[in-house]
N, C-alpha and C. Protein backbone atom coordinates (compact mmCIF):
# COMPACT_ATOMS: atom_id res chain seq x y z
N ALA A 1 -3.79 -28.82 28.72
CA ALA A 1 -4.05 -30.03 28.00
C ALA A 1 -3.04 -30.00 26.71
N GLN A 2 -2.45 -31.22 26.37
CA GLN A 2 -1.61 -31.34 25.38
C GLN A 2 -2.36 -31.82 24.19
N THR A 3 -2.30 -31.10 23.13
CA THR A 3 -2.90 -31.31 21.90
C THR A 3 -1.97 -31.46 20.65
N ARG A 4 -2.39 -32.27 19.73
CA ARG A 4 -1.63 -32.41 18.55
C ARG A 4 -1.44 -31.08 17.73
N ALA A 5 -0.25 -30.79 17.21
CA ALA A 5 -0.21 -29.50 16.52
C ALA A 5 -0.94 -29.78 15.09
N PRO A 6 -1.42 -28.79 14.59
CA PRO A 6 -2.27 -28.87 13.31
C PRO A 6 -1.29 -29.35 12.29
N GLN A 7 -1.76 -30.39 11.40
CA GLN A 7 -0.95 -30.79 10.32
C GLN A 7 -1.72 -30.28 8.99
N ALA A 8 -0.96 -30.11 7.96
CA ALA A 8 -1.59 -29.86 6.72
C ALA A 8 -2.54 -30.97 6.25
N THR A 9 -3.67 -30.54 5.53
CA THR A 9 -4.59 -31.55 5.06
C THR A 9 -3.81 -32.21 3.90
N PRO A 10 -3.89 -33.62 3.72
CA PRO A 10 -3.21 -34.25 2.62
C PRO A 10 -3.44 -33.68 1.19
N LEU A 11 -2.47 -33.82 0.36
CA LEU A 11 -2.34 -33.30 -0.86
C LEU A 11 -3.31 -33.91 -1.84
N GLU A 12 -3.56 -33.15 -2.80
CA GLU A 12 -4.52 -33.68 -3.97
C GLU A 12 -3.42 -34.04 -5.19
N ASP A 13 -3.67 -35.11 -5.63
CA ASP A 13 -2.94 -35.42 -6.92
C ASP A 13 -3.55 -34.93 -8.08
N THR A 14 -3.09 -33.89 -8.56
CA THR A 14 -3.80 -33.16 -9.70
C THR A 14 -3.50 -33.57 -11.19
N SER A 15 -2.75 -34.69 -11.24
CA SER A 15 -2.43 -35.14 -12.45
C SER A 15 -3.43 -35.79 -13.35
N ASN A 16 -4.64 -36.00 -12.64
CA ASN A 16 -5.87 -36.64 -13.39
C ASN A 16 -7.11 -35.90 -12.85
N ILE A 17 -7.24 -34.66 -13.27
CA ILE A 17 -8.34 -33.89 -12.67
C ILE A 17 -9.59 -34.10 -13.68
N GLU A 18 -10.64 -34.48 -12.98
CA GLU A 18 -11.98 -34.63 -13.80
C GLU A 18 -13.02 -33.90 -12.67
N ALA A 19 -13.49 -32.70 -13.18
CA ALA A 19 -14.44 -32.12 -12.29
C ALA A 19 -15.60 -31.47 -13.12
N THR A 20 -16.86 -31.48 -12.63
CA THR A 20 -17.94 -30.86 -13.36
C THR A 20 -18.11 -29.56 -12.67
N THR A 21 -18.11 -28.49 -13.33
CA THR A 21 -18.30 -27.12 -12.68
C THR A 21 -19.47 -26.46 -13.32
N GLY A 22 -20.54 -26.10 -12.58
CA GLY A 22 -21.75 -25.39 -13.06
C GLY A 22 -22.09 -26.06 -14.37
N SER A 23 -21.81 -25.25 -15.51
CA SER A 23 -22.25 -25.70 -16.92
C SER A 23 -21.09 -26.32 -17.70
N ALA A 24 -19.93 -26.03 -17.18
CA ALA A 24 -18.67 -26.47 -17.86
C ALA A 24 -18.07 -27.72 -17.37
N ASN A 25 -17.66 -28.63 -18.29
CA ASN A 25 -16.94 -29.77 -17.72
C ASN A 25 -15.57 -29.52 -17.91
N ILE A 26 -14.76 -29.71 -16.90
CA ILE A 26 -13.39 -29.56 -16.87
C ILE A 26 -12.56 -30.88 -16.98
N SER A 27 -11.76 -31.12 -17.89
CA SER A 27 -11.16 -32.45 -17.95
C SER A 27 -9.72 -32.12 -18.16
N GLU A 28 -8.75 -32.22 -17.27
CA GLU A 28 -7.43 -31.88 -17.51
C GLU A 28 -6.53 -33.25 -17.14
N LYS A 29 -6.85 -34.27 -17.96
CA LYS A 29 -6.31 -35.51 -17.57
C LYS A 29 -4.79 -35.45 -17.72
N SER A 30 -4.26 -34.80 -18.55
CA SER A 30 -2.94 -34.84 -19.00
C SER A 30 -2.41 -33.42 -19.27
N TYR A 31 -2.62 -32.63 -18.33
CA TYR A 31 -2.18 -31.25 -18.57
C TYR A 31 -0.68 -31.07 -18.15
N ALA A 32 -0.12 -29.94 -18.52
CA ALA A 32 1.20 -29.57 -18.37
C ALA A 32 1.70 -29.76 -16.83
N GLY A 33 2.69 -30.43 -16.59
CA GLY A 33 3.36 -30.39 -15.27
C GLY A 33 2.79 -31.60 -14.37
N SER A 34 1.91 -32.47 -14.98
CA SER A 34 1.38 -33.69 -14.19
C SER A 34 2.47 -34.63 -13.67
N ALA A 35 3.58 -34.73 -14.40
CA ALA A 35 4.68 -35.59 -13.81
C ALA A 35 5.35 -35.00 -12.55
N LEU A 36 5.40 -33.64 -12.71
CA LEU A 36 5.97 -32.83 -11.59
C LEU A 36 5.03 -32.85 -10.33
N ILE A 37 3.74 -32.92 -10.55
CA ILE A 37 2.88 -32.94 -9.48
C ILE A 37 2.79 -34.23 -8.78
N GLU A 38 2.92 -35.31 -9.64
CA GLU A 38 3.06 -36.80 -9.00
C GLU A 38 4.38 -36.90 -8.11
N SER A 39 5.42 -36.19 -8.64
CA SER A 39 6.68 -36.35 -7.99
C SER A 39 6.49 -35.46 -6.63
N GLY A 40 5.84 -34.15 -6.80
CA GLY A 40 5.70 -33.52 -5.52
C GLY A 40 4.89 -34.16 -4.32
N VAL A 41 3.92 -34.81 -4.92
CA VAL A 41 3.01 -35.54 -3.93
C VAL A 41 3.91 -36.56 -3.25
N GLN A 42 4.75 -37.33 -4.06
CA GLN A 42 5.60 -38.37 -3.37
C GLN A 42 6.50 -37.74 -2.44
N TYR A 43 7.19 -36.67 -2.91
CA TYR A 43 8.31 -36.00 -1.93
C TYR A 43 7.50 -35.54 -0.70
N TYR A 44 6.21 -35.02 -0.80
CA TYR A 44 5.61 -34.43 0.37
C TYR A 44 5.29 -35.66 1.36
N HIS A 45 4.83 -36.68 0.72
CA HIS A 45 4.54 -37.93 1.69
C HIS A 45 5.68 -38.53 2.34
N GLN A 46 6.89 -38.27 1.72
CA GLN A 46 8.34 -38.77 2.24
C GLN A 46 8.80 -37.61 3.17
N GLY A 47 8.26 -36.60 3.37
CA GLY A 47 8.67 -35.60 4.27
C GLY A 47 9.72 -34.72 3.62
N GLN A 48 9.90 -34.78 2.34
CA GLN A 48 10.91 -34.01 1.76
C GLN A 48 10.43 -32.89 1.00
N TYR A 49 10.11 -31.82 1.98
CA TYR A 49 9.18 -30.71 1.51
C TYR A 49 10.02 -29.72 0.59
N GLU A 50 11.25 -29.51 0.71
CA GLU A 50 11.94 -28.69 -0.30
C GLU A 50 11.82 -29.35 -1.63
N MET A 51 12.01 -30.51 -1.76
CA MET A 51 11.81 -31.18 -3.08
C MET A 51 10.45 -31.09 -3.48
N ALA A 52 9.48 -31.20 -2.69
CA ALA A 52 8.00 -31.16 -3.23
C ALA A 52 7.86 -29.66 -3.50
N LEU A 53 8.26 -28.61 -2.75
CA LEU A 53 8.16 -27.34 -3.13
C LEU A 53 8.65 -27.13 -4.55
N LYS A 54 9.92 -27.52 -4.85
CA LYS A 54 10.38 -27.41 -6.24
C LYS A 54 9.65 -27.94 -7.26
N SER A 55 9.15 -29.16 -6.98
CA SER A 55 8.23 -29.94 -8.04
C SER A 55 7.02 -29.11 -8.31
N PHE A 56 6.26 -28.69 -7.21
CA PHE A 56 4.97 -28.03 -7.30
C PHE A 56 5.24 -26.65 -7.90
N SER A 57 6.34 -25.76 -7.53
CA SER A 57 6.40 -24.61 -8.13
C SER A 57 6.84 -24.71 -9.69
N THR A 58 7.48 -25.68 -9.97
CA THR A 58 7.91 -25.75 -11.47
C THR A 58 6.69 -26.18 -12.30
N ALA A 59 6.00 -27.11 -11.58
CA ALA A 59 4.52 -27.53 -12.17
C ALA A 59 3.66 -26.36 -12.40
N LEU A 60 3.46 -25.44 -11.37
CA LEU A 60 2.67 -24.24 -11.44
C LEU A 60 3.14 -23.35 -12.60
N LYS A 61 4.48 -23.16 -12.75
CA LYS A 61 4.99 -22.27 -13.73
C LYS A 61 4.56 -22.89 -15.17
N THR A 62 4.77 -24.21 -15.26
CA THR A 62 4.46 -24.85 -16.54
C THR A 62 2.85 -24.72 -16.90
N GLN A 63 2.18 -24.93 -15.77
CA GLN A 63 0.64 -24.82 -15.91
C GLN A 63 0.21 -23.35 -16.39
N ARG A 64 0.81 -22.34 -15.71
CA ARG A 64 0.42 -21.00 -16.10
C ARG A 64 0.79 -20.57 -17.58
N VAL A 65 1.95 -21.21 -18.00
CA VAL A 65 2.37 -21.06 -19.39
C VAL A 65 1.35 -21.62 -20.35
N SER A 66 0.89 -22.86 -20.04
CA SER A 66 0.02 -23.60 -20.95
C SER A 66 -1.46 -23.22 -20.81
N LYS A 67 -1.93 -23.01 -19.60
CA LYS A 67 -3.26 -22.79 -19.24
C LYS A 67 -3.76 -21.40 -18.85
N GLY A 68 -2.70 -20.47 -18.64
CA GLY A 68 -2.98 -19.01 -18.20
C GLY A 68 -3.05 -19.09 -16.68
N ASP A 69 -3.66 -18.06 -15.98
CA ASP A 69 -3.70 -18.17 -14.56
C ASP A 69 -4.96 -18.72 -13.99
N ASP A 70 -5.87 -19.08 -14.79
CA ASP A 70 -7.21 -19.54 -14.23
C ASP A 70 -7.55 -21.00 -14.65
N SER A 71 -7.41 -21.92 -13.87
CA SER A 71 -7.76 -23.21 -14.07
C SER A 71 -7.94 -24.03 -12.76
N VAL A 72 -8.59 -25.06 -12.78
CA VAL A 72 -8.94 -25.92 -11.56
C VAL A 72 -7.51 -26.51 -11.17
N GLY A 73 -6.85 -26.98 -12.26
CA GLY A 73 -5.45 -27.52 -11.91
C GLY A 73 -4.48 -26.70 -11.37
N ILE A 74 -4.56 -25.36 -11.61
CA ILE A 74 -3.69 -24.47 -11.05
C ILE A 74 -4.23 -24.29 -9.47
N ALA A 75 -5.46 -24.10 -9.42
CA ALA A 75 -5.99 -23.97 -7.93
C ALA A 75 -5.53 -25.10 -7.12
N MET A 76 -5.50 -26.46 -7.59
CA MET A 76 -5.21 -27.53 -6.81
C MET A 76 -3.66 -27.64 -6.66
N THR A 77 -2.82 -27.23 -7.60
CA THR A 77 -1.34 -27.09 -7.32
C THR A 77 -1.20 -26.07 -6.21
N LEU A 78 -1.86 -24.89 -6.37
CA LEU A 78 -1.71 -23.85 -5.40
C LEU A 78 -2.07 -24.46 -3.87
N GLY A 79 -3.10 -25.17 -3.92
CA GLY A 79 -3.46 -25.74 -2.58
C GLY A 79 -2.27 -26.89 -2.14
N ASN A 80 -1.81 -27.56 -2.96
CA ASN A 80 -0.71 -28.38 -2.66
C ASN A 80 0.56 -27.60 -2.14
N LEU A 81 0.92 -26.42 -2.82
CA LEU A 81 1.93 -25.63 -2.46
C LEU A 81 1.60 -25.11 -1.03
N GLY A 82 0.36 -24.73 -0.80
CA GLY A 82 0.02 -24.17 0.56
C GLY A 82 0.28 -25.28 1.62
N ALA A 83 -0.17 -26.54 1.33
CA ALA A 83 0.16 -27.63 2.33
C ALA A 83 1.59 -27.84 2.67
N VAL A 84 2.35 -27.61 1.53
CA VAL A 84 3.94 -27.76 1.71
C VAL A 84 4.42 -26.50 2.60
N TYR A 85 4.00 -25.32 2.33
CA TYR A 85 4.31 -24.13 3.16
C TYR A 85 3.90 -24.40 4.56
N LEU A 86 2.70 -24.88 4.76
CA LEU A 86 2.19 -25.05 6.10
C LEU A 86 3.14 -25.95 6.92
N GLN A 87 3.53 -27.17 6.31
CA GLN A 87 4.35 -28.20 6.83
C GLN A 87 5.68 -27.45 7.25
N GLN A 88 6.18 -26.49 6.39
CA GLN A 88 7.43 -25.75 6.71
C GLN A 88 7.13 -24.69 7.63
N ASN A 89 6.05 -24.51 8.20
CA ASN A 89 5.79 -23.29 9.08
C ASN A 89 5.99 -21.92 8.34
N LYS A 90 5.84 -21.81 6.99
CA LYS A 90 5.83 -20.61 6.25
C LYS A 90 4.42 -20.13 6.04
N LEU A 91 3.86 -19.57 7.26
CA LEU A 91 2.40 -19.33 7.14
C LEU A 91 1.95 -18.14 6.30
N GLU A 92 2.82 -17.05 6.02
CA GLU A 92 2.43 -16.05 5.06
C GLU A 92 2.38 -16.56 3.58
N GLU A 93 3.24 -17.46 3.21
CA GLU A 93 3.35 -17.94 1.88
C GLU A 93 2.13 -18.96 1.81
N ALA A 94 2.01 -19.72 2.79
CA ALA A 94 0.82 -20.71 2.71
C ALA A 94 -0.60 -19.93 2.51
N GLU A 95 -0.65 -19.00 3.55
CA GLU A 95 -2.06 -18.24 3.30
C GLU A 95 -2.13 -17.61 2.00
N LYS A 96 -1.16 -17.06 1.32
CA LYS A 96 -1.16 -16.40 0.10
C LYS A 96 -1.69 -17.29 -0.95
N VAL A 97 -0.95 -18.48 -1.21
CA VAL A 97 -1.37 -19.36 -2.19
C VAL A 97 -2.76 -20.03 -1.76
N LEU A 98 -3.04 -20.32 -0.50
CA LEU A 98 -4.26 -20.96 -0.22
C LEU A 98 -5.56 -20.03 -0.52
N HIS A 99 -5.30 -18.83 -0.31
CA HIS A 99 -6.40 -17.79 -0.57
C HIS A 99 -6.60 -17.68 -2.14
N GLU A 100 -5.52 -17.69 -3.01
CA GLU A 100 -5.57 -17.69 -4.37
C GLU A 100 -6.34 -19.01 -4.90
N ALA A 101 -5.73 -20.09 -4.32
CA ALA A 101 -6.54 -21.44 -4.72
C ALA A 101 -7.97 -21.41 -4.40
N LEU A 102 -8.35 -20.85 -3.33
CA LEU A 102 -9.88 -20.83 -2.87
C LEU A 102 -10.62 -20.00 -3.86
N ASP A 103 -10.08 -18.91 -4.23
CA ASP A 103 -10.79 -17.95 -5.08
C ASP A 103 -10.93 -18.70 -6.43
N ILE A 104 -9.82 -19.31 -6.94
CA ILE A 104 -10.14 -19.87 -8.23
C ILE A 104 -11.03 -21.07 -8.19
N LYS A 105 -10.90 -21.97 -7.20
CA LYS A 105 -11.82 -23.09 -7.13
C LYS A 105 -13.37 -22.73 -6.93
N ARG A 106 -13.45 -21.56 -6.20
CA ARG A 106 -14.90 -21.19 -6.06
C ARG A 106 -15.42 -20.55 -7.19
N ARG A 107 -14.58 -19.90 -7.99
CA ARG A 107 -15.17 -19.22 -9.21
C ARG A 107 -15.38 -20.38 -10.28
N LEU A 108 -14.45 -21.33 -10.51
CA LEU A 108 -14.35 -22.16 -11.69
C LEU A 108 -15.07 -23.55 -11.31
N ALA A 109 -15.12 -23.97 -10.18
CA ALA A 109 -15.61 -25.22 -9.91
C ALA A 109 -16.44 -25.14 -8.52
N PRO A 110 -17.70 -24.36 -8.57
CA PRO A 110 -18.44 -24.26 -7.44
C PRO A 110 -19.00 -25.58 -6.80
N THR A 111 -19.05 -26.58 -7.60
CA THR A 111 -19.40 -27.84 -7.15
C THR A 111 -18.50 -28.71 -6.30
N MET A 112 -17.21 -28.36 -6.47
CA MET A 112 -16.13 -29.06 -6.00
C MET A 112 -15.86 -28.56 -4.58
N PRO A 113 -15.70 -29.61 -3.63
CA PRO A 113 -15.38 -29.17 -2.32
C PRO A 113 -14.08 -28.38 -2.12
N VAL A 114 -14.07 -27.39 -1.29
CA VAL A 114 -12.91 -26.74 -1.07
C VAL A 114 -12.38 -26.75 0.54
N ALA A 115 -12.76 -27.91 1.18
CA ALA A 115 -12.69 -28.15 2.48
C ALA A 115 -11.17 -28.33 2.83
N ASP A 116 -10.42 -28.85 1.80
CA ASP A 116 -8.91 -29.08 2.06
C ASP A 116 -8.24 -27.71 2.29
N ILE A 117 -8.59 -26.78 1.49
CA ILE A 117 -8.04 -25.44 1.37
C ILE A 117 -8.56 -24.69 2.80
N LEU A 118 -9.87 -24.82 3.17
CA LEU A 118 -10.39 -24.29 4.26
C LEU A 118 -9.65 -24.84 5.61
N ASN A 119 -9.44 -26.11 5.54
CA ASN A 119 -8.93 -26.78 6.72
C ASN A 119 -7.60 -26.10 7.00
N ASN A 120 -6.78 -26.12 5.75
CA ASN A 120 -5.31 -25.67 5.86
C ASN A 120 -5.25 -24.20 6.23
N LEU A 121 -6.17 -23.36 5.84
CA LEU A 121 -6.35 -21.96 6.38
C LEU A 121 -6.65 -21.95 7.82
N GLY A 122 -7.48 -22.79 8.17
CA GLY A 122 -7.71 -22.93 9.68
C GLY A 122 -6.47 -23.34 10.30
N ASN A 123 -5.61 -24.30 9.88
CA ASN A 123 -4.36 -24.67 10.48
C ASN A 123 -3.49 -23.48 10.67
N CYS A 124 -3.44 -22.65 9.65
CA CYS A 124 -2.48 -21.48 9.67
C CYS A 124 -2.98 -20.57 10.83
N ALA A 125 -4.29 -20.23 10.90
CA ALA A 125 -4.79 -19.42 11.98
C ALA A 125 -4.63 -20.01 13.40
N ASN A 126 -4.64 -21.40 13.41
CA ASN A 126 -4.51 -21.93 14.73
C ASN A 126 -3.06 -21.88 15.06
N ILE A 127 -2.13 -21.97 14.28
CA ILE A 127 -0.72 -21.92 14.60
C ILE A 127 -0.37 -20.48 15.03
N ARG A 128 -1.06 -19.48 14.34
CA ARG A 128 -0.93 -18.08 14.78
C ARG A 128 -1.51 -17.87 16.08
N GLY A 129 -2.36 -18.66 16.71
CA GLY A 129 -2.96 -18.50 17.86
C GLY A 129 -4.46 -17.70 17.59
N GLU A 130 -4.68 -17.52 16.44
CA GLU A 130 -6.10 -17.02 16.00
C GLU A 130 -7.19 -17.99 16.15
N LEU A 131 -7.56 -18.51 17.36
CA LEU A 131 -8.46 -19.64 17.48
C LEU A 131 -9.83 -19.41 16.94
N GLU A 132 -10.43 -18.04 17.07
CA GLU A 132 -11.69 -17.86 16.53
C GLU A 132 -11.71 -17.92 14.97
N ALA A 133 -10.66 -17.45 14.41
CA ALA A 133 -10.65 -17.42 12.80
C ALA A 133 -10.43 -18.92 12.57
N SER A 134 -9.72 -19.67 13.18
CA SER A 134 -9.40 -21.09 12.92
C SER A 134 -10.76 -21.75 13.07
N LEU A 135 -11.48 -21.49 14.04
CA LEU A 135 -12.81 -22.25 14.14
C LEU A 135 -13.73 -21.95 12.89
N ILE A 136 -13.75 -20.71 12.51
CA ILE A 136 -14.54 -20.38 11.38
C ILE A 136 -14.22 -21.11 10.10
N TYR A 137 -12.87 -21.27 9.92
CA TYR A 137 -12.48 -22.14 8.76
C TYR A 137 -12.82 -23.55 8.85
N TYR A 138 -12.55 -24.07 10.10
CA TYR A 138 -12.91 -25.58 10.14
C TYR A 138 -14.37 -25.73 10.07
N GLU A 139 -15.35 -24.85 10.61
CA GLU A 139 -16.73 -25.12 10.49
C GLU A 139 -17.04 -24.77 8.95
N ASP A 140 -16.43 -23.86 8.24
CA ASP A 140 -16.68 -23.62 6.78
C ASP A 140 -16.37 -24.90 6.10
N ALA A 141 -15.22 -25.64 6.39
CA ALA A 141 -14.82 -26.76 5.79
C ALA A 141 -15.74 -27.95 6.05
N LEU A 142 -16.20 -28.11 7.09
CA LEU A 142 -17.27 -29.03 7.51
C LEU A 142 -18.69 -28.80 6.73
N GLU A 143 -19.15 -27.54 6.66
CA GLU A 143 -20.29 -27.17 5.97
C GLU A 143 -20.10 -27.48 4.45
N ASP A 144 -18.97 -27.05 3.92
CA ASP A 144 -18.54 -27.29 2.53
C ASP A 144 -18.66 -28.87 2.20
N LEU A 145 -18.14 -29.73 2.95
CA LEU A 145 -18.17 -31.01 2.68
C LEU A 145 -19.59 -31.72 2.74
N ARG A 146 -20.27 -31.29 3.74
CA ARG A 146 -21.72 -31.77 3.83
C ARG A 146 -22.55 -31.25 2.78
N ALA A 147 -22.38 -30.03 2.20
CA ALA A 147 -23.31 -29.43 1.18
C ALA A 147 -22.80 -30.10 -0.11
N LYS A 148 -21.61 -30.42 -0.32
CA LYS A 148 -21.18 -30.92 -1.52
C LYS A 148 -20.99 -32.41 -1.60
N ASN A 149 -21.35 -33.09 -0.48
CA ASN A 149 -21.22 -34.52 -0.41
C ASN A 149 -19.77 -34.94 -0.55
N GLY A 150 -18.84 -34.44 0.26
CA GLY A 150 -17.57 -34.67 0.19
C GLY A 150 -17.13 -36.03 0.78
N ARG A 151 -15.88 -36.40 0.65
CA ARG A 151 -15.42 -37.69 1.30
C ARG A 151 -15.60 -37.67 2.86
N LYS A 152 -16.01 -38.93 3.27
CA LYS A 152 -16.10 -39.08 4.77
C LYS A 152 -14.84 -38.69 5.42
N ALA A 153 -13.63 -39.18 4.96
CA ALA A 153 -12.42 -39.00 5.43
C ALA A 153 -12.06 -37.49 5.72
N ASP A 154 -12.60 -36.59 4.77
CA ASP A 154 -12.32 -35.22 4.84
C ASP A 154 -13.24 -34.60 5.90
N GLU A 155 -14.49 -35.17 6.07
CA GLU A 155 -15.33 -34.68 7.03
C GLU A 155 -14.78 -35.10 8.59
N ILE A 156 -14.31 -36.27 8.55
CA ILE A 156 -13.64 -36.65 9.87
C ILE A 156 -12.47 -35.88 10.22
N ASN A 157 -11.69 -35.32 9.27
CA ASN A 157 -10.49 -34.43 9.49
C ASN A 157 -11.10 -33.10 10.12
N ALA A 158 -12.15 -32.59 9.28
CA ALA A 158 -12.80 -31.25 9.80
C ALA A 158 -13.16 -31.50 11.20
N LEU A 159 -14.02 -32.56 11.46
CA LEU A 159 -14.40 -32.77 12.78
C LEU A 159 -13.18 -32.99 13.95
N PHE A 160 -12.25 -33.52 13.55
CA PHE A 160 -11.14 -33.69 14.37
C PHE A 160 -10.47 -32.28 14.58
N ASN A 161 -10.42 -31.43 13.69
CA ASN A 161 -9.73 -30.09 13.72
C ASN A 161 -10.69 -29.28 14.83
N ILE A 162 -12.02 -29.31 14.56
CA ILE A 162 -12.86 -28.62 15.51
C ILE A 162 -12.71 -29.10 16.84
N GLY A 163 -12.64 -30.54 17.10
CA GLY A 163 -12.57 -30.96 18.33
C GLY A 163 -11.23 -30.72 18.98
N ARG A 164 -10.13 -30.68 18.36
CA ARG A 164 -8.76 -30.35 18.72
C ARG A 164 -8.82 -28.86 19.33
N LEU A 165 -9.35 -27.91 18.46
CA LEU A 165 -9.43 -26.62 18.66
C LEU A 165 -10.23 -26.30 20.03
N GLU A 166 -11.45 -27.11 20.14
CA GLU A 166 -12.16 -26.94 21.38
C GLU A 166 -11.35 -27.30 22.54
N VAL A 167 -10.61 -28.31 22.57
CA VAL A 167 -9.63 -28.90 23.51
C VAL A 167 -8.61 -27.57 23.84
N GLN A 168 -8.01 -27.05 22.94
CA GLN A 168 -7.15 -25.79 23.06
C GLN A 168 -7.89 -24.66 23.72
N ARG A 169 -9.17 -24.42 23.46
CA ARG A 169 -9.96 -23.49 24.16
C ARG A 169 -10.48 -23.90 25.38
N GLN A 170 -10.32 -25.06 25.79
CA GLN A 170 -10.79 -25.78 27.05
C GLN A 170 -12.30 -25.64 27.17
N HIS A 171 -12.95 -25.95 26.03
CA HIS A 171 -14.38 -26.06 25.86
C HIS A 171 -14.59 -27.50 25.86
N TRP A 172 -14.58 -28.22 26.96
CA TRP A 172 -14.51 -29.67 26.92
C TRP A 172 -15.85 -30.19 26.34
N THR A 173 -16.91 -29.79 26.58
CA THR A 173 -18.24 -30.31 26.20
C THR A 173 -18.24 -30.15 24.60
N LYS A 174 -17.85 -29.07 24.15
CA LYS A 174 -17.79 -28.88 22.68
C LYS A 174 -16.84 -29.87 21.90
N ALA A 175 -15.82 -30.09 22.73
CA ALA A 175 -14.82 -30.96 22.06
C ALA A 175 -15.27 -32.35 21.98
N MET A 176 -16.26 -32.79 22.73
CA MET A 176 -16.60 -34.16 22.70
C MET A 176 -17.84 -34.35 21.65
N ILE A 177 -18.33 -33.29 21.07
CA ILE A 177 -19.40 -33.37 20.23
C ILE A 177 -19.08 -33.86 18.76
């Protein structure tokens, strides 16, 4: 059966972050690099991945100078870098930054969904042919969204990824659920 190749989960515009984490409120409305993030998102959506990569990489350097290595904004920028690397089929680079983003988000913002990162890690595993690992990531993404009242569009994306994977595995009944 012919299935659509995994695509990176859409980017987050981190130029206006407002998230409540545990007991701390994070508000990075105008943090360093926000114009670069906006440019990176635009380049990404135009398919100009090299330009997006440059924008996000420069923004990340700026963020790390101004915020240190630990902030939700940095995690979101790392997630965006991972999406770009995934589109470029640079799986090792994508997985590295996605795992770093996942770690930071889970530590600093435990109530924020991390499904976008999990879906992209699942896409990396899927492209490598690691279908069982891919399914675990996709199912974790769906569980994360449901537990944290994530956006319906993201839930649909996770369900689509699971269905596409089950078609790849020729588990027809599971693909239709």
